[in-house]
Each structure stands twice: as structure tokens, then as C-alpha cells.
């Protein structure tokens, strides 16, 4: 990933009356040091983030990502981000992206230990080439997430519905999937229900109905999954959120992992069981995801 742009933000309070926040932004060299050694985002992963896909300089689904940033901040007891300020920062970063596909990241951390304010910044980078994943598909394995379907409701301090910076477990899961000869993983609960992938949402097809795991298991609300469902609804398909037993995965008529940057990657095998690849529908979904969306 080639970093193109970075911008530090002086976070405004929620009641800040300004409409122009340009004075609160400081562009920095994306290849130079910018954080102090006491920064809690690096010390403890204590913060939240969002990754926004950018196509030809247009940041996709900005409002959905900003809403989820605010949701994660509430779950993590972080100061509420002033979305008007972040919206302007996104626009500045998008203007630096140029043609093709890029990714903008929004990061809000608790700041320096014992410090008075949070730390916030935005980056922009060229996205990777996901052509193979989008067309040829990916093989996945299921991995036990280590908790039951009711755990998120019983232990909200686990922050299972927040998009936090603590992604060590997610990255370890992807490495384990590769050790098992797969490309990615699908988390399942210890009592046998489907969750999500480490960096993506799961969509299954059953006939003309498309389902995704319900959020009851502490699943991160997927902005791309919501957008795909809107596209499928417009085409006359049925969509649903369900509590899905992991035993039902192998019987799906088709399956995808969807995310903001890789977009829709069709699944060709789950734990070695082959899954049909619907190339025509996948191409349609990805064409939609690459079209300008607000």
C-alpha cells in the first residue's frame, strides 16, 4: 500500500459552532514520524478507525462510515467525533487520491496517556489490486472466535460491535487461514453460529434470498454489506439478517465476503467444501460497488 497523504486533526468538541475546520487540520509527510511514544493507539490499540474505499477521487459511503465511527466512539467511551469536521477532512484526503482505487483511513485514539485530548488523523493510500479475489474467488476456513452467541450482550466491555484498533486477533486469524491453505477466515461462535470474517462481512445466497449473520453476536455492522443489500433489494431479491448455524455454510448456493476496499470476493470453498461461484452476479455487484455512492 503506497501512502499518498496524511492529515492530523485537532478534534473539535461536539458543540463547536464552526462551519470551516481548515484551521484544525495539519498535513504531514505520510512517510515521516507523526505520533509520540506515549500514544495509546500504538501502546494499547486504544482507539477506533474506519476504512473508506475511494474510486477516482470519490469517497464511497462516507455517511455510513461516519455513523459507524460515532457508534464505535460511544461503545469505547471516546469523545463524540464532530462529523462535520471529519467530513471536511475526508474531502481533503479524497482530493489527493487521483484516478483508480484508493483507501482513506480515519483514526481516533484516546491520545497520549494522561493527556488532555484524543489524537485523530486521516490517511490516504493507493489500494491493492484485488482483481483475482473479485473474479476467481477465495477459499476460506472457519475459526472459533472463542465466545458464545450470547457473550456480546453479557459482556459489553469486550467491545465486540466496535471497529477498534485492536486487530491483532483478526490478523492472527488470517495468518492461521493461510497456514491451512486458505485465503481468509470466517469466525464462528463456540456454540456453533456464524459471525463474520476478520476484515469483511459474510453474505450467503439461498435461492433468491440473500442472508447475512444478525448483529446479535457482536458483529461489526458492515457498511458494504448494507450497500450490497440495497442493490439486491432494488433488483428484486429478498434479503435478511439471521442467526445462522455454522452447519449451514456448506449448503449455500453462493457466498461472498464483502468489504469497503476488496469489495465483493466470491467464496469458492469453505473448510474444503466447494461453493458455486456466481460470476455474473459477482460482476454486477462489484460494478455497483465501484460506481459513485454517497
C-alpha atoms as a PDB file:
ATOM      1  CA  UNK A   1       0.000   0.000   0.000  1.00  0.00           C
ATOM      2  CA  UNK A   2       1.520   3.309  -1.136  1.00  0.00           C
ATOM      3  CA  UNK A   3       0.726   6.143   1.271  1.00  0.00           C
ATOM      4  CA  UNK A   4      -0.211   9.325  -0.575  1.00  0.00           C
ATOM      5  CA  UNK A   5      -1.437  11.718   2.101  1.00  0.00           C
ATOM      6  CA  UNK A   6      -1.747  12.202   5.865  1.00  0.00           C
ATOM      7  CA  UNK A   7      -3.556  14.814   7.899  1.00  0.00           C
ATOM      8  CA  UNK A   8      -3.507  15.346  11.656  1.00  0.00           C
ATOM      9  CA  UNK A   9      -6.757  16.624  13.182  1.00  0.00           C
ATOM     10  CA  UNK A  10      -7.221  18.777  16.251  1.00  0.00           C
ATOM     11  CA  UNK A  11     -10.532  17.191  17.356  1.00  0.00           C
ATOM     12  CA  UNK A  12     -13.346  19.690  17.794  1.00  0.00           C
ATOM     13  CA  UNK A  13     -15.893  19.325  20.570  1.00  0.00           C
ATOM     14  CA  UNK A  14     -19.379  18.250  19.661  1.00  0.00           C
ATOM     15  CA  UNK A  15     -20.819  21.741  20.265  1.00  0.00           C
ATOM     16  CA  UNK A  16     -18.175  23.594  18.207  1.00  0.00           C
ATOM     17  CA  UNK A  17     -20.092  26.244  16.195  1.00  0.00           C
ATOM     18  CA  UNK A  18     -17.609  26.495  13.314  1.00  0.00           C
ATOM     19  CA  UNK A  19     -18.524  25.532   9.770  1.00  0.00           C
ATOM     20  CA  UNK A  20     -14.969  25.804   8.414  1.00  0.00           C
ATOM     21  CA  UNK A  21     -12.491  23.478  10.138  1.00  0.00           C
ATOM     22  CA  UNK A  22      -9.491  24.082   7.885  1.00  0.00           C
ATOM     23  CA  UNK A  23      -7.587  25.636  10.790  1.00  0.00           C
ATOM     24  CA  UNK A  24      -7.827  22.355  12.718  1.00  0.00           C
ATOM     25  CA  UNK A  25      -6.013  20.291  10.052  1.00  0.00           C
ATOM     26  CA  UNK A  26      -2.254  19.857   9.719  1.00  0.00           C
ATOM     27  CA  UNK A  27      -0.985  17.984   6.645  1.00  0.00           C
ATOM     28  CA  UNK A  28       2.047  15.838   7.473  1.00  0.00           C
ATOM     29  CA  UNK A  29       4.528  13.791   5.495  1.00  0.00           C
ATOM     30  CA  UNK A  30       2.998  10.278   5.401  1.00  0.00           C
ATOM     31  CA  UNK A  31       6.476   8.741   5.438  1.00  0.00           C
ATOM     32  CA  UNK A  32       7.684  10.718   8.489  1.00  0.00           C
ATOM     33  CA  UNK A  33       7.072  10.140  12.234  1.00  0.00           C
ATOM     34  CA  UNK A  34       3.907  11.836  13.496  1.00  0.00           C
ATOM     35  CA  UNK A  35       2.935  10.202  16.830  1.00  0.00           C
ATOM     36  CA  UNK A  36       4.592  10.399  20.242  1.00  0.00           C
ATOM     37  CA  UNK A  37       5.864   7.339  22.112  1.00  0.00           C
ATOM     38  CA  UNK A  38       3.106   7.720  24.702  1.00  0.00           C
ATOM     39  CA  UNK A  39       0.322   7.438  22.122  1.00  0.00           C
ATOM     40  CA  UNK A  40      -2.279   4.924  23.288  1.00  0.00           C
ATOM     41  CA  UNK A  41      -3.206   3.842  19.772  1.00  0.00           C
ATOM     42  CA  UNK A  42       0.216   2.239  19.461  1.00  0.00           C
ATOM     43  CA  UNK A  43       0.751   1.394  23.130  1.00  0.00           C
ATOM     44  CA  UNK A  44      -2.559  -0.409  23.657  1.00  0.00           C
ATOM     45  CA  UNK A  45      -4.567  -0.273  20.452  1.00  0.00           C
ATOM     46  CA  UNK A  46      -6.921   2.010  22.362  1.00  0.00           C
ATOM     47  CA  UNK A  47      -8.859   3.703  19.625  1.00  0.00           C
ATOM     48  CA  UNK A  48     -11.153   3.235  16.649  1.00  0.00           C
ATOM     49  CA  UNK A  49     -10.897   3.502  12.885  1.00  0.00           C
ATOM     50  CA  UNK A  50     -12.745   3.346   9.582  1.00  0.00           C
ATOM     51  CA  UNK A  51     -11.519   2.399   6.092  1.00  0.00           C
ATOM     52  CA  UNK A  52     -13.311   4.149   3.240  1.00  0.00           C
ATOM     53  CA  UNK A  53     -12.986   2.972  -0.354  1.00  0.00           C
ATOM     54  CA  UNK A  54     -12.239   5.705  -2.885  1.00  0.00           C
ATOM     55  CA  UNK A  55     -12.924   5.384  -6.617  1.00  0.00           C
ATOM     56  CA  UNK A  56     -11.485   8.039  -8.952  1.00  0.00           C
ATOM     57  CA  UNK A  57     -11.305  10.530  -6.101  1.00  0.00           C
ATOM     58  CA  UNK A  58     -14.825   9.852  -4.813  1.00  0.00           C
ATOM     59  CA  UNK A  59     -15.031   8.589  -1.227  1.00  0.00           C
ATOM     60  CA  UNK A  60     -17.707   5.880  -1.074  1.00  0.00           C
ATOM     61  CA  UNK A  61     -20.450   5.649   1.580  1.00  0.00           C
ATOM     62  CA  UNK A  62     -18.998   8.472   3.706  1.00  0.00           C
ATOM     63  CA  UNK A  63     -22.053   8.971   5.883  1.00  0.00           C
ATOM     64  CA  UNK A  64     -22.339   5.275   6.733  1.00  0.00           C
ATOM     65  CA  UNK A  65     -18.682   5.227   7.767  1.00  0.00           C
ATOM     66  CA  UNK A  66     -19.042   8.400   9.827  1.00  0.00           C
ATOM     67  CA  UNK A  67     -22.098   6.995  11.568  1.00  0.00           C
ATOM     68  CA  UNK A  68     -20.164   3.843  12.427  1.00  0.00           C
ATOM     69  CA  UNK A  69     -17.203   5.907  13.668  1.00  0.00           C
ATOM     70  CA  UNK A  70     -19.578   7.708  16.042  1.00  0.00           C
ATOM     71  CA  UNK A  71     -21.098   4.372  17.115  1.00  0.00           C
ATOM     72  CA  UNK A  72     -17.654   2.926  17.872  1.00  0.00           C
ATOM     73  CA  UNK A  73     -16.741   6.061  19.838  1.00  0.00           C
ATOM     74  CA  UNK A  74     -19.836   5.604  22.025  1.00  0.00           C
ATOM     75  CA  UNK A  75     -19.014   1.962  22.703  1.00  0.00           C
ATOM     76  CA  UNK A  76     -15.416   2.835  23.597  1.00  0.00           C
ATOM     77  CA  UNK A  77     -16.252   5.875  25.762  1.00  0.00           C
ATOM     78  CA  UNK A  78     -14.333   8.165  23.424  1.00  0.00           C
ATOM     79  CA  UNK A  79     -15.350  11.801  22.872  1.00  0.00           C
ATOM     80  CA  UNK A  80     -18.037  12.016  20.206  1.00  0.00           C
ATOM     81  CA  UNK A  81     -16.415  12.985  16.891  1.00  0.00           C
ATOM     82  CA  UNK A  82     -17.818  16.129  15.306  1.00  0.00           C
ATOM     83  CA  UNK A  83     -18.812  14.626  11.978  1.00  0.00           C
ATOM     84  CA  UNK A  84     -18.767  17.929  10.086  1.00  0.00           C
ATOM     85  CA  UNK A  85     -15.057  18.231  10.867  1.00  0.00           C
ATOM     86  CA  UNK A  86     -14.318  14.658   9.773  1.00  0.00           C
ATOM     87  CA  UNK A  87     -16.384  15.159   6.621  1.00  0.00           C
ATOM     88  CA  UNK A  88     -14.130  18.061   5.610  1.00  0.00           C
ATOM     89  CA  UNK A  89     -11.008  16.017   6.381  1.00  0.00           C
ATOM     90  CA  UNK A  90     -12.280  13.195   4.156  1.00  0.00           C
ATOM     91  CA  UNK A  91     -12.839  15.656   1.313  1.00  0.00           C
ATOM     92  CA  UNK A  92      -9.251  16.902   1.588  1.00  0.00           C
ATOM     93  CA  UNK A  93      -7.882  13.352   1.567  1.00  0.00           C
ATOM     94  CA  UNK A  94     -10.087  12.279  -1.350  1.00  0.00           C
ATOM     95  CA  UNK A  95      -8.805  15.200  -3.418  1.00  0.00           C
ATOM     96  CA  UNK A  96      -5.291  13.721  -3.098  1.00  0.00           C
ATOM     97  CA  UNK A  97      -6.252  10.226  -4.266  1.00  0.00           C
ATOM     98  CA  UNK A  98      -6.421  10.702  -8.030  1.00  0.00           C
ATOM     99  CA  UNK A  99      -7.740   8.138 -10.529  1.00  0.00           C
ATOM    100  CA  UNK A 100      -8.221   4.465  -9.723  1.00  0.00           C
ATOM    101  CA  UNK A 101      -8.936   2.852  -6.380  1.00  0.00           C
ATOM    102  CA  UNK A 102      -7.648   4.195  -3.069  1.00  0.00           C
ATOM    103  CA  UNK A 103      -8.441   3.881   0.615  1.00  0.00           C
ATOM    104  CA  UNK A 104      -8.923   6.599   3.233  1.00  0.00           C
ATOM    105  CA  UNK A 105      -8.496   5.690   6.886  1.00  0.00           C
ATOM    106  CA  UNK A 106      -9.996   7.640   9.766  1.00  0.00           C
ATOM    107  CA  UNK A 107      -8.308   7.064  13.140  1.00  0.00           C
ATOM    108  CA  UNK A 108      -9.402   8.346  16.550  1.00  0.00           C
ATOM    109  CA  UNK A 109      -7.417   7.256  19.604  1.00  0.00           C
ATOM    110  CA  UNK A 110      -7.635   8.034  23.292  1.00  0.00           C
ATOM    111  CA  UNK A 111      -4.481  10.103  22.830  1.00  0.00           C
ATOM    112  CA  UNK A 112      -1.336  10.254  24.922  1.00  0.00           C
ATOM    113  CA  UNK A 113      -1.508   8.523  28.304  1.00  0.00           C
ATOM    114  CA  UNK A 114      -2.784  11.026  30.886  1.00  0.00           C
ATOM    115  CA  UNK A 115      -3.115  13.587  28.090  1.00  0.00           C
ATOM    116  CA  UNK A 116      -5.957  16.088  27.843  1.00  0.00           C
ATOM    117  CA  UNK A 117      -7.308  15.279  24.373  1.00  0.00           C
ATOM    118  CA  UNK A 118      -7.655  12.402  21.928  1.00  0.00           C
ATOM    119  CA  UNK A 119      -5.442  12.037  18.879  1.00  0.00           C
ATOM    120  CA  UNK A 120      -7.008  11.987  15.422  1.00  0.00           C
ATOM    121  CA  UNK A 121      -5.723  11.655  11.903  1.00  0.00           C
ATOM    122  CA  UNK A 122      -6.683  10.716   8.351  1.00  0.00           C
ATOM    123  CA  UNK A 123      -4.567   8.936   5.749  1.00  0.00           C
ATOM    124  CA  UNK A 124      -4.978   8.168   2.050  1.00  0.00           C
ATOM    125  CA  UNK A 125      -3.222   5.391   0.164  1.00  0.00           C
ATOM    126  CA  UNK A 126      -3.405   3.573  -3.143  1.00  0.00           C
ATOM    127  CA  UNK A 127      -5.487   0.413  -2.770  1.00  0.00           C
ATOM    128  CA  UNK A 128      -4.137  -3.026  -3.594  1.00  0.00           C
ATOM    129  CA  UNK A 129      -5.108  -4.947  -6.709  1.00  0.00           C
ATOM    130  CA  UNK A 130      -7.985  -7.265  -5.784  1.00  0.00           C
ATOM    131  CA  UNK A 131      -8.843  -8.391  -9.311  1.00  0.00           C
ATOM    132  CA  UNK A 132      -8.140 -12.070  -8.604  1.00  0.00           C
ATOM    133  CA  UNK A 133     -10.160 -12.110  -5.384  1.00  0.00           C
ATOM    134  CA  UNK A 134     -13.111 -10.428  -7.112  1.00  0.00           C
ATOM    135  CA  UNK A 135     -13.113 -12.683 -10.185  1.00  0.00           C
ATOM    136  CA  UNK A 136     -11.517 -16.028  -9.319  1.00  0.00           C
ATOM    137  CA  UNK A 137     -12.726 -16.024  -5.725  1.00  0.00           C
ATOM    138  CA  UNK A 138     -11.253 -17.028  -2.381  1.00  0.00           C
ATOM    139  CA  UNK A 139     -11.120 -20.155  -0.233  1.00  0.00           C
ATOM    140  CA  UNK A 140     -11.949 -19.758   3.460  1.00  0.00           C
ATOM    141  CA  UNK A 141     -11.844 -21.786   6.652  1.00  0.00           C
ATOM    142  CA  UNK A 142     -13.974 -21.407   9.769  1.00  0.00           C
ATOM    143  CA  UNK A 143     -12.231 -20.465  13.002  1.00  0.00           C
ATOM    144  CA  UNK A 144     -13.646 -20.470  16.541  1.00  0.00           C
ATOM    145  CA  UNK A 145     -13.899 -16.889  17.815  1.00  0.00           C
ATOM    146  CA  UNK A 146     -13.722 -18.152  21.410  1.00  0.00           C
ATOM    147  CA  UNK A 147     -17.083 -16.998  22.743  1.00  0.00           C
ATOM    148  CA  UNK A 148     -20.778 -17.919  22.503  1.00  0.00           C
ATOM    149  CA  UNK A 149     -23.560 -16.171  20.620  1.00  0.00           C
ATOM    150  CA  UNK A 150     -24.851 -14.516  23.836  1.00  0.00           C
ATOM    151  CA  UNK A 151     -21.454 -13.299  25.055  1.00  0.00           C
ATOM    152  CA  UNK A 152     -21.583  -9.788  23.491  1.00  0.00           C
ATOM    153  CA  UNK A 153     -24.818  -8.979  25.352  1.00  0.00           C
ATOM    154  CA  UNK A 154     -23.466 -10.413  28.602  1.00  0.00           C
ATOM    155  CA  UNK A 155     -20.066  -8.694  28.351  1.00  0.00           C
ATOM    156  CA  UNK A 156     -20.361  -5.355  26.512  1.00  0.00           C
ATOM    157  CA  UNK A 157     -16.897  -4.337  27.759  1.00  0.00           C
ATOM    158  CA  UNK A 158     -15.441  -6.723  25.158  1.00  0.00           C
ATOM    159  CA  UNK A 159     -16.383  -4.034  22.568  1.00  0.00           C
ATOM    160  CA  UNK A 160     -17.312  -6.704  20.033  1.00  0.00           C
ATOM    161  CA  UNK A 161     -19.504  -4.357  17.996  1.00  0.00           C
ATOM    162  CA  UNK A 162     -16.903  -1.576  17.735  1.00  0.00           C
ATOM    163  CA  UNK A 163     -14.299  -1.154  14.992  1.00  0.00           C
ATOM    164  CA  UNK A 164     -11.302  -0.804  17.281  1.00  0.00           C
ATOM    165  CA  UNK A 165      -7.607  -0.548  16.505  1.00  0.00           C
ATOM    166  CA  UNK A 166      -7.020  -3.823  18.378  1.00  0.00           C
ATOM    167  CA  UNK A 167      -6.752  -6.011  15.277  1.00  0.00           C
ATOM    168  CA  UNK A 168      -4.053  -8.443  16.418  1.00  0.00           C
ATOM    169  CA  UNK A 169      -6.581 -11.299  16.724  1.00  0.00           C
ATOM    170  CA  UNK A 170      -8.024 -10.540  13.286  1.00  0.00           C
ATOM    171  CA  UNK A 171      -4.601 -10.609  11.659  1.00  0.00           C
ATOM    172  CA  UNK A 172      -3.680 -13.804  13.515  1.00  0.00           C
ATOM    173  CA  UNK A 173      -6.851 -15.416  12.144  1.00  0.00           C
ATOM    174  CA  UNK A 174      -5.884 -14.555   8.566  1.00  0.00           C
ATOM    175  CA  UNK A 175      -2.392 -15.996   9.112  1.00  0.00           C
ATOM    176  CA  UNK A 176      -3.947 -19.174  10.507  1.00  0.00           C
ATOM    177  CA  UNK A 177      -6.227 -19.402   7.465  1.00  0.00           C
ATOM    178  CA  UNK A 178      -3.210 -19.179   5.171  1.00  0.00           C
ATOM    179  CA  UNK A 179      -1.418 -21.870   7.179  1.00  0.00           C
ATOM    180  CA  UNK A 180      -4.433 -24.084   6.455  1.00  0.00           C
ATOM    181  CA  UNK A 181      -4.164 -23.411   2.730  1.00  0.00           C
ATOM    182  CA  UNK A 182      -6.981 -20.838   2.529  1.00  0.00           C
ATOM    183  CA  UNK A 183      -7.105 -17.139   1.706  1.00  0.00           C
ATOM    184  CA  UNK A 184      -9.322 -15.892   4.534  1.00  0.00           C
ATOM    185  CA  UNK A 185     -11.387 -16.992   7.518  1.00  0.00           C
ATOM    186  CA  UNK A 186     -14.943 -16.887   8.803  1.00  0.00           C
ATOM    187  CA  UNK A 187     -15.337 -16.600  12.562  1.00  0.00           C
ATOM    188  CA  UNK A 188     -17.882 -18.853  14.257  1.00  0.00           C
ATOM    189  CA  UNK A 189     -19.020 -18.869  17.873  1.00  0.00           C
ATOM    190  CA  UNK A 190     -18.031 -21.653  20.244  1.00  0.00           C
ATOM    191  CA  UNK A 191     -21.671 -22.781  20.285  1.00  0.00           C
ATOM    192  CA  UNK A 192     -21.866 -23.104  16.512  1.00  0.00           C
ATOM    193  CA  UNK A 193     -23.133 -19.895  14.895  1.00  0.00           C
ATOM    194  CA  UNK A 194     -21.686 -17.857  12.054  1.00  0.00           C
ATOM    195  CA  UNK A 195     -20.204 -14.402  12.718  1.00  0.00           C
ATOM    196  CA  UNK A 196     -18.084 -12.508  10.170  1.00  0.00           C
ATOM    197  CA  UNK A 197     -14.631 -12.539   8.591  1.00  0.00           C
ATOM    198  CA  UNK A 198     -11.656 -10.787  10.233  1.00  0.00           C
ATOM    199  CA  UNK A 199     -11.958  -7.803   7.862  1.00  0.00           C
ATOM    200  CA  UNK A 200     -15.214  -8.395   5.989  1.00  0.00           C
ATOM    201  CA  UNK A 201     -18.907  -9.230   6.250  1.00  0.00           C
ATOM    202  CA  UNK A 202     -20.388 -12.504   5.035  1.00  0.00           C
ATOM    203  CA  UNK A 203     -23.313 -12.814   2.614  1.00  0.00           C
ATOM    204  CA  UNK A 204     -24.876 -16.186   1.716  1.00  0.00           C
ATOM    205  CA  UNK A 205     -27.290 -16.953  -1.099  1.00  0.00           C
ATOM    206  CA  UNK A 206     -30.145 -19.402  -0.696  1.00  0.00           C
ATOM    207  CA  UNK A 207     -32.105 -19.458  -3.945  1.00  0.00           C
ATOM    208  CA  UNK A 208     -33.280 -15.884  -4.477  1.00  0.00           C
ATOM    209  CA  UNK A 209     -32.743 -14.886  -0.839  1.00  0.00           C
ATOM    210  CA  UNK A 210     -29.519 -13.361   0.456  1.00  0.00           C
ATOM    211  CA  UNK A 211     -28.748 -13.545   4.168  1.00  0.00           C
ATOM    212  CA  UNK A 212     -26.075 -12.180   6.484  1.00  0.00           C
ATOM    213  CA  UNK A 213     -25.497 -13.014  10.163  1.00  0.00           C
ATOM    214  CA  UNK A 214     -27.607 -10.918  12.515  1.00  0.00           C
ATOM    215  CA  UNK A 215     -25.756  -8.436  14.710  1.00  0.00           C
ATOM    216  CA  UNK A 216     -26.735 -10.220  17.932  1.00  0.00           C
ATOM    217  CA  UNK A 217     -23.353 -11.948  18.054  1.00  0.00           C
ATOM    218  CA  UNK A 218     -21.379  -8.714  18.355  1.00  0.00           C
ATOM    219  CA  UNK A 219     -20.852  -8.439  14.622  1.00  0.00           C
ATOM    220  CA  UNK A 220     -19.486  -5.185  13.238  1.00  0.00           C
ATOM    221  CA  UNK A 221     -22.235  -3.550  11.209  1.00  0.00           C
ATOM    222  CA  UNK A 222     -20.920  -3.809   7.626  1.00  0.00           C
ATOM    223  CA  UNK A 223     -21.281  -0.665   5.516  1.00  0.00           C
ATOM    224  CA  UNK A 224     -20.562  -2.579   2.298  1.00  0.00           C
ATOM    225  CA  UNK A 225     -22.956  -5.381   3.241  1.00  0.00           C
ATOM    226  CA  UNK A 226     -25.745  -2.814   3.786  1.00  0.00           C
ATOM    227  CA  UNK A 227     -24.984  -1.274   0.392  1.00  0.00           C
ATOM    228  CA  UNK A 228     -24.998  -4.679  -1.339  1.00  0.00           C
ATOM    229  CA  UNK A 229     -28.344  -5.499   0.254  1.00  0.00           C
ATOM    230  CA  UNK A 230     -29.783  -2.227  -1.084  1.00  0.00           C
ATOM    231  CA  UNK A 231     -28.539  -3.171  -4.563  1.00  0.00           C
ATOM    232  CA  UNK A 232     -30.042  -6.663  -4.311  1.00  0.00           C
ATOM    233  CA  UNK A 233     -33.341  -5.285  -2.984  1.00  0.00           C
ATOM    234  CA  UNK A 234     -33.522  -2.962  -5.997  1.00  0.00           C
ATOM    235  CA  UNK A 235     -33.062  -5.981  -8.284  1.00  0.00           C
ATOM    236  CA  UNK A 236     -35.990  -7.750  -6.679  1.00  0.00           C
ATOM    237  CA  UNK A 237     -34.131 -10.214  -4.462  1.00  0.00           C
ATOM    238  CA  UNK A 238     -35.051 -10.879  -0.838  1.00  0.00           C
ATOM    239  CA  UNK A 239     -32.526 -10.022   1.885  1.00  0.00           C
ATOM    240  CA  UNK A 240     -32.491 -10.979   5.549  1.00  0.00           C
ATOM    241  CA  UNK A 241     -30.493 -10.871   8.783  1.00  0.00           C
ATOM    242  CA  UNK A 242     -30.475 -14.257  10.517  1.00  0.00           C
ATOM    243  CA  UNK A 243     -28.762 -16.216  13.255  1.00  0.00           C
ATOM    244  CA  UNK A 244     -27.056 -18.789  11.032  1.00  0.00           C
ATOM    245  CA  UNK A 245     -25.794 -22.156  12.341  1.00  0.00           C
ATOM    246  CA  UNK A 246     -22.277 -22.842  11.060  1.00  0.00           C
ATOM    247  CA  UNK A 247     -23.507 -26.248   9.811  1.00  0.00           C
ATOM    248  CA  UNK A 248     -25.496 -24.414   7.118  1.00  0.00           C
ATOM    249  CA  UNK A 249     -22.462 -22.784   5.478  1.00  0.00           C
ATOM    250  CA  UNK A 250     -21.649 -25.674   3.161  1.00  0.00           C
ATOM    251  CA  UNK A 251     -25.201 -25.765   1.753  1.00  0.00           C
ATOM    252  CA  UNK A 252     -25.189 -22.166   0.481  1.00  0.00           C
ATOM    253  CA  UNK A 253     -25.896 -21.660  -3.229  1.00  0.00           C
ATOM    254  CA  UNK A 254     -23.219 -18.954  -3.279  1.00  0.00           C
ATOM    255  CA  UNK A 255     -21.277 -16.872  -0.753  1.00  0.00           C
ATOM    256  CA  UNK A 256     -19.225 -13.694  -0.618  1.00  0.00           C
ATOM    257  CA  UNK A 257     -17.015 -11.747   1.744  1.00  0.00           C
ATOM    258  CA  UNK A 258     -17.694  -8.043   1.241  1.00  0.00           C
ATOM    259  CA  UNK A 259     -15.686  -5.061   2.463  1.00  0.00           C
ATOM    260  CA  UNK A 260     -15.021  -1.443   1.578  1.00  0.00           C
ATOM    261  CA  UNK A 261     -11.743  -1.932  -0.291  1.00  0.00           C
ATOM    262  CA  UNK A 262     -11.662  -5.545  -1.566  1.00  0.00           C
ATOM    263  CA  UNK A 263     -15.398  -5.212  -2.368  1.00  0.00           C
ATOM    264  CA  UNK A 264     -17.231  -8.492  -3.133  1.00  0.00           C
ATOM    265  CA  UNK A 265     -14.973 -11.550  -3.123  1.00  0.00           C
ATOM    266  CA  UNK A 266     -16.882 -14.748  -4.032  1.00  0.00           C
ATOM    267  CA  UNK A 267     -16.139 -17.737  -1.818  1.00  0.00           C
ATOM    268  CA  UNK A 268     -15.245 -20.898  -3.735  1.00  0.00           C
ATOM    269  CA  UNK A 269     -14.724 -23.255  -0.767  1.00  0.00           C
ATOM    270  CA  UNK A 270     -15.485 -23.331   2.961  1.00  0.00           C
ATOM    271  CA  UNK A 271     -13.406 -25.785   5.003  1.00  0.00           C
ATOM    272  CA  UNK A 272     -12.652 -27.656   1.779  1.00  0.00           C
ATOM    273  CA  UNK A 273     -16.300 -27.953   0.681  1.00  0.00           C
ATOM    274  CA  UNK A 274     -16.737 -26.400  -2.753  1.00  0.00           C
ATOM    275  CA  UNK A 275     -19.209 -23.489  -3.121  1.00  0.00           C
ATOM    276  CA  UNK A 276     -20.633 -22.476  -6.536  1.00  0.00           C
ATOM    277  CA  UNK A 277     -19.232 -19.224  -7.916  1.00  0.00           C
ATOM    278  CA  UNK A 278     -21.833 -16.928  -9.490  1.00  0.00           C
ATOM    279  CA  UNK A 279     -19.551 -14.921 -11.767  1.00  0.00           C
ATOM    280  CA  UNK A 280     -22.324 -12.875 -13.409  1.00  0.00           C
ATOM    281  CA  UNK A 281     -23.894 -11.722 -10.148  1.00  0.00           C
ATOM    282  CA  UNK A 282     -20.486 -11.046  -8.601  1.00  0.00           C
ATOM    283  CA  UNK A 283     -19.502  -8.852 -11.557  1.00  0.00           C
ATOM    284  CA  UNK A 284     -22.794  -6.954 -11.237  1.00  0.00           C
ATOM    285  CA  UNK A 285     -22.313  -6.381  -7.514  1.00  0.00           C
ATOM    286  CA  UNK A 286     -18.736  -5.184  -7.957  1.00  0.00           C
ATOM    287  CA  UNK A 287     -19.734  -2.864 -10.801  1.00  0.00           C
ATOM    288  CA  UNK A 288     -22.297  -1.350  -8.446  1.00  0.00           C
ATOM    289  CA  UNK A 289     -19.749  -1.058  -5.612  1.00  0.00           C
ATOM    290  CA  UNK A 290     -17.342   0.723  -7.962  1.00  0.00           C
ATOM    291  CA  UNK A 291     -19.991   3.248  -9.022  1.00  0.00           C
ATOM    292  CA  UNK A 292     -20.178   6.581  -7.124  1.00  0.00           C
ATOM    293  CA  UNK A 293     -22.140   6.089  -3.901  1.00  0.00           C
ATOM    294  CA  UNK A 294     -22.798   8.612  -1.120  1.00  0.00           C
END
